[in-house]
Structure formats: structure tokens, C-alpha cells
Amino acid sequence: MLSASPPAQTPAAEMSFEAALRELEAIVTKLEQGDVDLEDSIVLYERGQALKSHCEQKLKSAESRLERIVQGPKGAESVEPLKLG
């Protein structure tokens, strides 16, 4: 069986978007392979949820920053939400 977590995990809130996404993808791969026992699966799932939430927050923050940049310092008469992806 595979070990669920490395000995020292970086808290999700301290990770870059890219690092969190890479770890999340690795967790999904491990869980999809089915070679993880139940307890480790639960630990991996919890970590995956934390990473997912962190990535979503980072994306929302980036979207908000980009909208402000597009609007400019004087604002805009009508603003459409910026669509990422």
C-alpha cells in the first residue's frame, strides 16, 4: 500500500497555486488507482479538499485583481466579469 502523506506537509494556505494544484493532481491519481487503504484514503481526501479550497480562493483572488486592472483607476461604465478558462 502507498503512504498517504509525506512526513512534513506544507499547509495549503502557504502554497503557491501551482504547487497546490500539482499536489492535488497527485492525490487524485493515487485515489483513482485504488492502491491506498481506507485510513490513508481519508487523509488524502481531506488534504485534497484543503488544496481544492485553496486553489479556488487563489483563482477568485486573481480574477478580482484582473477585473480591477481591466477597469483601470477611473473605473468603467459597464464591467463584464472576466472569465478565466
PDB file of N, CA and C in Angstrom:
ATOM      1  N   MET A   1       0.831  -1.187   0.000  1.00  0.00           N
ATOM      2  CA  MET A   1       0.000   0.000   0.000  1.00  0.00           C
ATOM      3  C   MET A   1       0.875   1.250   0.000  1.00  0.00           C
ATOM      4  N   LEU A   2       0.335   2.342  -0.545  1.00  0.00           N
ATOM      5  CA  LEU A   2       1.042   3.612  -0.593  1.00  0.00           C
ATOM      6  C   LEU A   2       0.828   4.382   0.696  1.00  0.00           C
ATOM      7  N   SER A   3       1.829   5.154   1.093  1.00  0.00           N
ATOM      8  CA  SER A   3       1.692   6.008   2.261  1.00  0.00           C
ATOM      9  C   SER A   3       0.860   7.222   1.886  1.00  0.00           C
ATOM     10  N   ALA A   4      -0.025   7.666   2.751  1.00  0.00           N
ATOM     11  CA  ALA A   4      -0.965   8.734   2.441  1.00  0.00           C
ATOM     12  C   ALA A   4      -0.322  10.103   2.375  1.00  0.00           C
ATOM     13  N   SER A   5       0.592  10.398   3.258  1.00  0.00           N
ATOM     14  CA  SER A   5       1.097  11.758   3.303  1.00  0.00           C
ATOM     15  C   SER A   5       2.582  11.777   3.606  1.00  0.00           C
ATOM     16  N   PRO A   6       3.270  12.781   3.059  1.00  0.00           N
ATOM     17  CA  PRO A   6       4.678  12.915   3.366  1.00  0.00           C
ATOM     18  C   PRO A   6       4.854  13.307   4.822  1.00  0.00           C
ATOM     19  N   PRO A   7       6.039  13.102   5.390  1.00  0.00           N
ATOM     20  CA  PRO A   7       6.244  13.382   6.803  1.00  0.00           C
ATOM     21  C   PRO A   7       5.965  14.838   7.178  1.00  0.00           C
ATOM     22  N   ALA A   8       6.354  15.785   6.344  1.00  0.00           N
ATOM     23  CA  ALA A   8       6.146  17.193   6.669  1.00  0.00           C
ATOM     24  C   ALA A   8       5.403  17.870   5.528  1.00  0.00           C
ATOM     25  N   GLN A   9       4.117  18.106   5.724  1.00  0.00           N
ATOM     26  CA  GLN A   9       3.306  18.750   4.689  1.00  0.00           C
ATOM     27  C   GLN A   9       3.304  20.255   4.906  1.00  0.00           C
ATOM     28  N   THR A  10       3.432  20.981   3.812  1.00  0.00           N
ATOM     29  CA  THR A  10       3.277  22.419   3.859  1.00  0.00           C
ATOM     30  C   THR A  10       1.794  22.728   3.971  1.00  0.00           C
ATOM     31  N   PRO A  11       1.401  23.601   4.898  1.00  0.00           N
ATOM     32  CA  PRO A  11      -0.017  23.962   4.963  1.00  0.00           C
ATOM     33  C   PRO A  11      -0.482  24.522   3.620  1.00  0.00           C
ATOM     34  N   ALA A  12      -1.667  24.150   3.202  1.00  0.00           N
ATOM     35  CA  ALA A  12      -2.182  24.577   1.897  1.00  0.00           C
ATOM     36  C   ALA A  12      -2.149  26.096   1.758  1.00  0.00           C
ATOM     37  N   ALA A  13      -2.485  26.812   2.817  1.00  0.00           N
ATOM     38  CA  ALA A  13      -2.543  28.280   2.755  1.00  0.00           C
ATOM     39  C   ALA A  13      -1.189  28.913   2.460  1.00  0.00           C
ATOM     40  N   GLU A  14      -0.111  28.184   2.661  1.00  0.00           N
ATOM     41  CA  GLU A  14       1.234  28.707   2.415  1.00  0.00           C
ATOM     42  C   GLU A  14       1.777  28.322   1.041  1.00  0.00           C
ATOM     43  N   MET A  15       0.998  27.579   0.278  1.00  0.00           N
ATOM     44  CA  MET A  15       1.467  27.075  -1.011  1.00  0.00           C
ATOM     45  C   MET A  15       1.070  28.011  -2.145  1.00  0.00           C
ATOM     46  N   SER A  16       1.883  27.984  -3.196  1.00  0.00           N
ATOM     47  CA  SER A  16       1.503  28.696  -4.413  1.00  0.00           C
ATOM     48  C   SER A  16       0.372  27.912  -5.078  1.00  0.00           C
ATOM     49  N   PHE A  17      -0.339  28.572  -5.967  1.00  0.00           N
ATOM     50  CA  PHE A  17      -1.406  27.903  -6.703  1.00  0.00           C
ATOM     51  C   PHE A  17      -0.858  26.688  -7.439  1.00  0.00           C
ATOM     52  N   GLU A  18       0.272  26.883  -8.120  1.00  0.00           N
ATOM     53  CA  GLU A  18       0.845  25.815  -8.943  1.00  0.00           C
ATOM     54  C   GLU A  18       1.259  24.608  -8.102  1.00  0.00           C
ATOM     55  N   ALA A  19       1.882  24.854  -6.953  1.00  0.00           N
ATOM     56  CA  ALA A  19       2.306  23.752  -6.086  1.00  0.00           C
ATOM     57  C   ALA A  19       1.100  23.009  -5.523  1.00  0.00           C
ATOM     58  N   ALA A  20       0.079  23.763  -5.120  1.00  0.00           N
ATOM     59  CA  ALA A  20      -1.132  23.141  -4.581  1.00  0.00           C
ATOM     60  C   ALA A  20      -1.835  22.306  -5.648  1.00  0.00           C
ATOM     61  N   LEU A  21      -1.894  22.826  -6.859  1.00  0.00           N
ATOM     62  CA  LEU A  21      -2.538  22.099  -7.947  1.00  0.00           C
ATOM     63  C   LEU A  21      -1.778  20.815  -8.281  1.00  0.00           C
ATOM     64  N   ARG A  22      -0.456  20.882  -8.307  1.00  0.00           N
ATOM     65  CA  ARG A  22       0.347  19.670  -8.568  1.00  0.00           C
ATOM     66  C   ARG A  22       0.090  18.607  -7.506  1.00  0.00           C
ATOM     67  N   GLU A  23       0.079  19.021  -6.243  1.00  0.00           N
ATOM     68  CA  GLU A  23      -0.166  18.049  -5.172  1.00  0.00           C
ATOM     69  C   GLU A  23      -1.582  17.491  -5.265  1.00  0.00           C
ATOM     70  N   LEU A  24      -2.543  18.348  -5.567  1.00  0.00           N
ATOM     71  CA  LEU A  24      -3.932  17.896  -5.719  1.00  0.00           C
ATOM     72  C   LEU A  24      -4.047  16.870  -6.840  1.00  0.00           C
ATOM     73  N   GLU A  25      -3.386  17.120  -7.962  1.00  0.00           N
ATOM     74  CA  GLU A  25      -3.403  16.163  -9.069  1.00  0.00           C
ATOM     75  C   GLU A  25      -2.778  14.831  -8.663  1.00  0.00           C
ATOM     76  N   ALA A  26      -1.700  14.872  -7.885  1.00  0.00           N
ATOM     77  CA  ALA A  26      -1.061  13.638  -7.416  1.00  0.00           C
ATOM     78  C   ALA A  26      -1.992  12.862  -6.487  1.00  0.00           C
ATOM     79  N   ILE A  27      -2.708  13.572  -5.635  1.00  0.00           N
ATOM     80  CA  ILE A  27      -3.656  12.923  -4.727  1.00  0.00           C
ATOM     81  C   ILE A  27      -4.775  12.257  -5.515  1.00  0.00           C
ATOM     82  N   VAL A  28      -5.320  12.954  -6.489  1.00  0.00           N
ATOM     83  CA  VAL A  28      -6.395  12.383  -7.315  1.00  0.00           C
ATOM     84  C   VAL A  28      -5.902  11.118  -8.007  1.00  0.00           C
ATOM     85  N   THR A  29      -4.694  11.158  -8.537  1.00  0.00           N
ATOM     86  CA  THR A  29      -4.125   9.984  -9.200  1.00  0.00           C
ATOM     87  C   THR A  29      -4.024   8.809  -8.237  1.00  0.00           C
ATOM     88  N   LYS A  30      -3.504   9.052  -7.018  1.00  0.00           N
ATOM     89  CA  LYS A  30      -3.378   7.984  -6.019  1.00  0.00           C
ATOM     90  C   LYS A  30      -4.739   7.389  -5.683  1.00  0.00           C
ATOM     91  N   LEU A  31      -5.720   8.265  -5.477  1.00  0.00           N
ATOM     92  CA  LEU A  31      -7.052   7.771  -5.104  1.00  0.00           C
ATOM     93  C   LEU A  31      -7.702   7.003  -6.248  1.00  0.00           C
ATOM     94  N   GLU A  32      -7.498   7.454  -7.475  1.00  0.00           N
ATOM     95  CA  GLU A  32      -8.073   6.761  -8.624  1.00  0.00           C
ATOM     96  C   GLU A  32      -7.454   5.384  -8.833  1.00  0.00           C
ATOM     97  N   GLN A  33      -6.192   5.233  -8.479  1.00  0.00           N
ATOM     98  CA  GLN A  33      -5.526   3.936  -8.644  1.00  0.00           C
ATOM     99  C   GLN A  33      -6.070   2.902  -7.669  1.00  0.00           C
ATOM    100  N   GLY A  34      -6.600   3.354  -6.545  1.00  0.00           N
ATOM    101  CA  GLY A  34      -7.195   2.432  -5.585  1.00  0.00           C
ATOM    102  C   GLY A  34      -6.208   1.623  -4.779  1.00  0.00           C
ATOM    103  N   ASP A  35      -4.940   2.027  -4.762  1.00  0.00           N
ATOM    104  CA  ASP A  35      -3.915   1.279  -4.024  1.00  0.00           C
ATOM    105  C   ASP A  35      -3.669   1.851  -2.630  1.00  0.00           C
ATOM    106  N   VAL A  36      -4.636   2.557  -2.082  1.00  0.00           N
ATOM    107  CA  VAL A  36      -4.476   3.216  -0.789  1.00  0.00           C
ATOM    108  C   VAL A  36      -5.510   2.635   0.172  1.00  0.00           C
ATOM    109  N   ASP A  37      -5.068   2.300   1.391  1.00  0.00           N
ATOM    110  CA  ASP A  37      -6.033   1.744   2.344  1.00  0.00           C
ATOM    111  C   ASP A  37      -7.008   2.830   2.813  1.00  0.00           C
ATOM    112  N   LEU A  38      -8.034   2.433   3.513  1.00  0.00           N
ATOM    113  CA  LEU A  38      -9.122   3.330   3.882  1.00  0.00           C
ATOM    114  C   LEU A  38      -8.651   4.537   4.684  1.00  0.00           C
ATOM    115  N   GLU A  39      -7.879   4.317   5.722  1.00  0.00           N
ATOM    116  CA  GLU A  39      -7.425   5.434   6.560  1.00  0.00           C
ATOM    117  C   GLU A  39      -6.592   6.426   5.760  1.00  0.00           C
ATOM    118  N   ASP A  40      -5.693   5.920   4.936  1.00  0.00           N
ATOM    119  CA  ASP A  40      -4.871   6.803   4.105  1.00  0.00           C
ATOM    120  C   ASP A  40      -5.727   7.529   3.072  1.00  0.00           C
ATOM    121  N   SER A  41      -6.757   6.850   2.564  1.00  0.00           N
ATOM    122  CA  SER A  41      -7.661   7.482   1.608  1.00  0.00           C
ATOM    123  C   SER A  41      -8.371   8.667   2.244  1.00  0.00           C
ATOM    124  N   ILE A  42      -8.771   8.521   3.485  1.00  0.00           N
ATOM    125  CA  ILE A  42      -9.456   9.608   4.188  1.00  0.00           C
ATOM    126  C   ILE A  42      -8.507  10.787   4.384  1.00  0.00           C
ATOM    127  N   VAL A  43      -7.276  10.499   4.779  1.00  0.00           N
ATOM    128  CA  VAL A  43      -6.278  11.559   4.968  1.00  0.00           C
ATOM    129  C   VAL A  43      -6.018  12.273   3.639  1.00  0.00           C
ATOM    130  N   LEU A  44      -5.865  11.500   2.576  1.00  0.00           N
ATOM    131  CA  LEU A  44      -5.629  12.091   1.259  1.00  0.00           C
ATOM    132  C   LEU A  44      -6.821  12.926   0.807  1.00  0.00           C
ATOM    133  N   TYR A  45      -8.021  12.433   1.056  1.00  0.00           N
ATOM    134  CA  TYR A  45      -9.226  13.168   0.663  1.00  0.00           C
ATOM    135  C   TYR A  45      -9.307  14.500   1.402  1.00  0.00           C
ATOM    136  N   GLU A  46      -9.030  14.475   2.702  1.00  0.00           N
ATOM    137  CA  GLU A  46      -9.056  15.714   3.486  1.00  0.00           C
ATOM    138  C   GLU A  46      -8.017  16.712   2.974  1.00  0.00           C
ATOM    139  N   ARG A  47      -6.830  16.221   2.679  1.00  0.00           N
ATOM    140  CA  ARG A  47      -5.782  17.085   2.144  1.00  0.00           C
ATOM    141  C   ARG A  47      -6.207  17.634   0.782  1.00  0.00           C
ATOM    142  N   GLY A  48      -6.796  16.793  -0.034  1.00  0.00           N
ATOM    143  CA  GLY A  48      -7.272  17.221  -1.342  1.00  0.00           C
ATOM    144  C   GLY A  48      -8.327  18.304  -1.235  1.00  0.00           C
ATOM    145  N   GLN A  49      -9.233  18.171  -0.277  1.00  0.00           N
ATOM    146  CA  GLN A  49     -10.262  19.194  -0.069  1.00  0.00           C
ATOM    147  C   GLN A  49      -9.632  20.528   0.322  1.00  0.00           C
ATOM    148  N   ALA A  50      -8.635  20.487   1.206  1.00  0.00           N
ATOM    149  CA  ALA A  50      -7.954  21.720   1.622  1.00  0.00           C
ATOM    150  C   ALA A  50      -7.243  22.364   0.433  1.00  0.00           C
ATOM    151  N   LEU A  51      -6.588  21.550  -0.380  1.00  0.00           N
ATOM    152  CA  LEU A  51      -5.883  22.062  -1.555  1.00  0.00           C
ATOM    153  C   LEU A  51      -6.864  22.630  -2.573  1.00  0.00           C
ATOM    154  N   LYS A  52      -7.977  21.964  -2.779  1.00  0.00           N
ATOM    155  CA  LYS A  52      -9.006  22.438  -3.712  1.00  0.00           C
ATOM    156  C   LYS A  52      -9.539  23.790  -3.275  1.00  0.00           C
ATOM    157  N   SER A  53      -9.854  23.920  -2.004  1.00  0.00           N
ATOM    158  CA  SER A  53     -10.360  25.194  -1.483  1.00  0.00           C
ATOM    159  C   SER A  53      -9.330  26.301  -1.648  1.00  0.00           C
ATOM    160  N   HIS A  54      -8.079  25.973  -1.378  1.00  0.00           N
ATOM    161  CA  HIS A  54      -7.001  26.953  -1.528  1.00  0.00           C
ATOM    162  C   HIS A  54      -6.874  27.398  -2.984  1.00  0.00           C
ATOM    163  N   CYS A  55      -6.908  26.463  -3.907  1.00  0.00           N
ATOM    164  CA  CYS A  55      -6.806  26.795  -5.330  1.00  0.00           C
ATOM    165  C   CYS A  55      -7.992  27.656  -5.774  1.00  0.00           C
ATOM    166  N   GLU A  56      -9.190  27.321  -5.327  1.00  0.00           N
ATOM    167  CA  GLU A  56     -10.361  28.118  -5.672  1.00  0.00           C
ATOM    168  C   GLU A  56     -10.223  29.547  -5.156  1.00  0.00           C
ATOM    169  N   GLN A  57      -9.723  29.697  -3.931  1.00  0.00           N
ATOM    170  CA  GLN A  57      -9.545  31.029  -3.353  1.00  0.00           C
ATOM    171  C   GLN A  57      -8.515  31.819  -4.144  1.00  0.00           C
ATOM    172  N   LYS A  58      -7.415  31.165  -4.525  1.00  0.00           N
ATOM    173  CA  LYS A  58      -6.377  31.834  -5.317  1.00  0.00           C
ATOM    174  C   LYS A  58      -6.935  32.283  -6.668  1.00  0.00           C
ATOM    175  N   LEU A  59      -7.734  31.444  -7.305  1.00  0.00           N
ATOM    176  CA  LEU A  59      -8.318  31.806  -8.593  1.00  0.00           C
ATOM    177  C   LEU A  59      -9.283  32.985  -8.460  1.00  0.00           C
ATOM    178  N   LYS A  60     -10.126  32.969  -7.422  1.00  0.00           N
ATOM    179  CA  LYS A  60     -11.053  34.079  -7.211  1.00  0.00           C
ATOM    180  C   LYS A  60     -10.302  35.374  -6.966  1.00  0.00           C
ATOM    181  N   SER A  61      -9.232  35.292  -6.207  1.00  0.00           N
ATOM    182  CA  SER A  61      -8.420  36.480  -5.932  1.00  0.00           C
ATOM    183  C   SER A  61      -7.787  37.014  -7.214  1.00  0.00           C
ATOM    184  N   ALA A  62      -7.256  36.120  -8.030  1.00  0.00           N
ATOM    185  CA  ALA A  62      -6.635  36.535  -9.297  1.00  0.00           C
ATOM    186  C   ALA A  62      -7.681  37.144 -10.226  1.00  0.00           C
ATOM    187  N   GLU A  63      -8.858  36.549 -10.277  1.00  0.00           N
ATOM    188  CA  GLU A  63      -9.930  37.071 -11.118  1.00  0.00           C
ATOM    189  C   GLU A  63     -10.313  38.485 -10.682  1.00  0.00           C
ATOM    190  N   SER A  64     -10.428  38.683  -9.385  1.00  0.00           N
ATOM    191  CA  SER A  64     -10.772  40.002  -8.854  1.00  0.00           C
ATOM    192  C   SER A  64      -9.695  41.032  -9.190  1.00  0.00           C
ATOM    193  N   ARG A  65      -8.449  40.653  -9.047  1.00  0.00           N
ATOM    194  CA  ARG A  65      -7.342  41.564  -9.378  1.00  0.00           C
ATOM    195  C   ARG A  65      -7.353  41.921 -10.857  1.00  0.00           C
ATOM    196  N   LEU A  66      -7.609  40.931 -11.721  1.00  0.00           N
ATOM    197  CA  LEU A  66      -7.639  41.191 -13.155  1.00  0.00           C
ATOM    198  C   LEU A  66      -8.801  42.100 -13.529  1.00  0.00           C
ATOM    199  N   GLU A  67      -9.941  41.922 -12.888  1.00  0.00           N
ATOM    200  CA  GLU A  67     -11.079  42.800 -13.153  1.00  0.00           C
ATOM    201  C   GLU A  67     -10.738  44.246 -12.793  1.00  0.00           C
ATOM    202  N   ARG A  68     -10.041  44.440 -11.664  1.00  0.00           N
ATOM    203  CA  ARG A  68      -9.651  45.797 -11.265  1.00  0.00           C
ATOM    204  C   ARG A  68      -8.658  46.391 -12.257  1.00  0.00           C
ATOM    205  N   ILE A  69      -7.750  45.565 -12.754  1.00  0.00           N
ATOM    206  CA  ILE A  69      -6.778  46.049 -13.734  1.00  0.00           C
ATOM    207  C   ILE A  69      -7.477  46.453 -15.022  1.00  0.00           C
ATOM    208  N   VAL A  70      -8.408  45.636 -15.476  1.00  0.00           N
ATOM    209  CA  VAL A  70      -9.136  45.908 -16.715  1.00  0.00           C
ATOM    210  C   VAL A  70      -9.963  47.182 -16.572  1.00  0.00           C
ATOM    211  N   GLN A  71     -10.567  47.398 -15.407  1.00  0.00           N
ATOM    212  CA  GLN A  71     -11.382  48.587 -15.188  1.00  0.00           C
ATOM    213  C   GLN A  71     -10.531  49.852 -15.166  1.00  0.00           C
ATOM    214  N   GLY A  72      -9.324  49.746 -14.667  1.00  0.00           N
ATOM    215  CA  GLY A  72      -8.456  50.910 -14.575  1.00  0.00           C
ATOM    216  C   GLY A  72      -8.772  51.753 -13.351  1.00  0.00           C
ATOM    217  N   PRO A  73      -7.966  52.778 -13.094  1.00  0.00           N
ATOM    218  CA  PRO A  73      -8.136  53.582 -11.881  1.00  0.00           C
ATOM    219  C   PRO A  73      -9.418  54.405 -11.854  1.00  0.00           C
ATOM    220  N   LYS A  74      -9.961  54.755 -13.004  1.00  0.00           N
ATOM    221  CA  LYS A  74     -11.183  55.565 -13.042  1.00  0.00           C
ATOM    222  C   LYS A  74     -12.440  54.710 -13.122  1.00  0.00           C
ATOM    223  N   GLY A  75     -12.285  53.411 -13.183  1.00  0.00           N
ATOM    224  CA  GLY A  75     -13.434  52.523 -13.271  1.00  0.00           C
ATOM    225  C   GLY A  75     -13.920  52.415 -14.703  1.00  0.00           C
ATOM    226  N   ALA A  76     -15.017  51.764 -14.876  1.00  0.00           N
ATOM    227  CA  ALA A  76     -15.603  51.589 -16.203  1.00  0.00           C
ATOM    228  C   ALA A  76     -17.098  51.805 -16.107  1.00  0.00           C
ATOM    229  N   GLU A  77     -17.687  52.235 -17.192  1.00  0.00           N
ATOM    230  CA  GLU A  77     -19.122  52.470 -17.192  1.00  0.00           C
ATOM    231  C   GLU A  77     -19.895  51.158 -17.076  1.00  0.00           C
ATOM    232  N   SER A  78     -19.440  50.134 -17.757  1.00  0.00           N
ATOM    233  CA  SER A  78     -20.049  48.813 -17.593  1.00  0.00           C
ATOM    234  C   SER A  78     -18.930  47.797 -17.592  1.00  0.00           C
ATOM    235  N   VAL A  79     -19.034  46.886 -16.657  1.00  0.00           N
ATOM    236  CA  VAL A  79     -17.981  45.891 -16.476  1.00  0.00           C
ATOM    237  C   VAL A  79     -18.593  44.512 -16.591  1.00  0.00           C
ATOM    238  N   GLU A  80     -17.999  43.700 -17.446  1.00  0.00           N
ATOM    239  CA  GLU A  80     -18.396  42.315 -17.549  1.00  0.00           C
ATOM    240  C   GLU A  80     -17.411  41.486 -16.736  1.00  0.00           C
ATOM    241  N   PRO A  81     -17.880  40.504 -16.009  1.00  0.00           N
ATOM    242  CA  PRO A  81     -16.950  39.667 -15.256  1.00  0.00           C
ATOM    243  C   PRO A  81     -15.940  39.018 -16.185  1.00  0.00           C
ATOM    244  N   LEU A  82     -14.725  38.945 -15.743  1.00  0.00           N
ATOM    245  CA  LEU A  82     -13.664  38.306 -16.510  1.00  0.00           C
ATOM    246  C   LEU A  82     -13.826  36.814 -16.378  1.00  0.00           C
ATOM    247  N   LYS A  83     -13.817  36.115 -17.501  1.00  0.00           N
ATOM    248  CA  LYS A  83     -13.986  34.671 -17.491  1.00  0.00           C
ATOM    249  C   LYS A  83     -12.627  34.019 -17.703  1.00  0.00           C
ATOM    250  N   LEU A  84     -12.197  33.247 -16.719  1.00  0.00           N
ATOM    251  CA  LEU A  84     -10.944  32.514 -16.808  1.00  0.00           C
ATOM    252  C   LEU A  84     -11.249  31.107 -17.277  1.00  0.00           C
ATOM    253  N   GLY A  85     -10.455  30.622 -18.217  1.00  0.00           N
ATOM    254  CA  GLY A  85     -10.591  29.242 -18.638  1.00  0.00           C
ATOM    255  C   GLY A  85     -11.522  29.009 -19.683  1.00  0.00           C
TER     256      GLY A  85
END
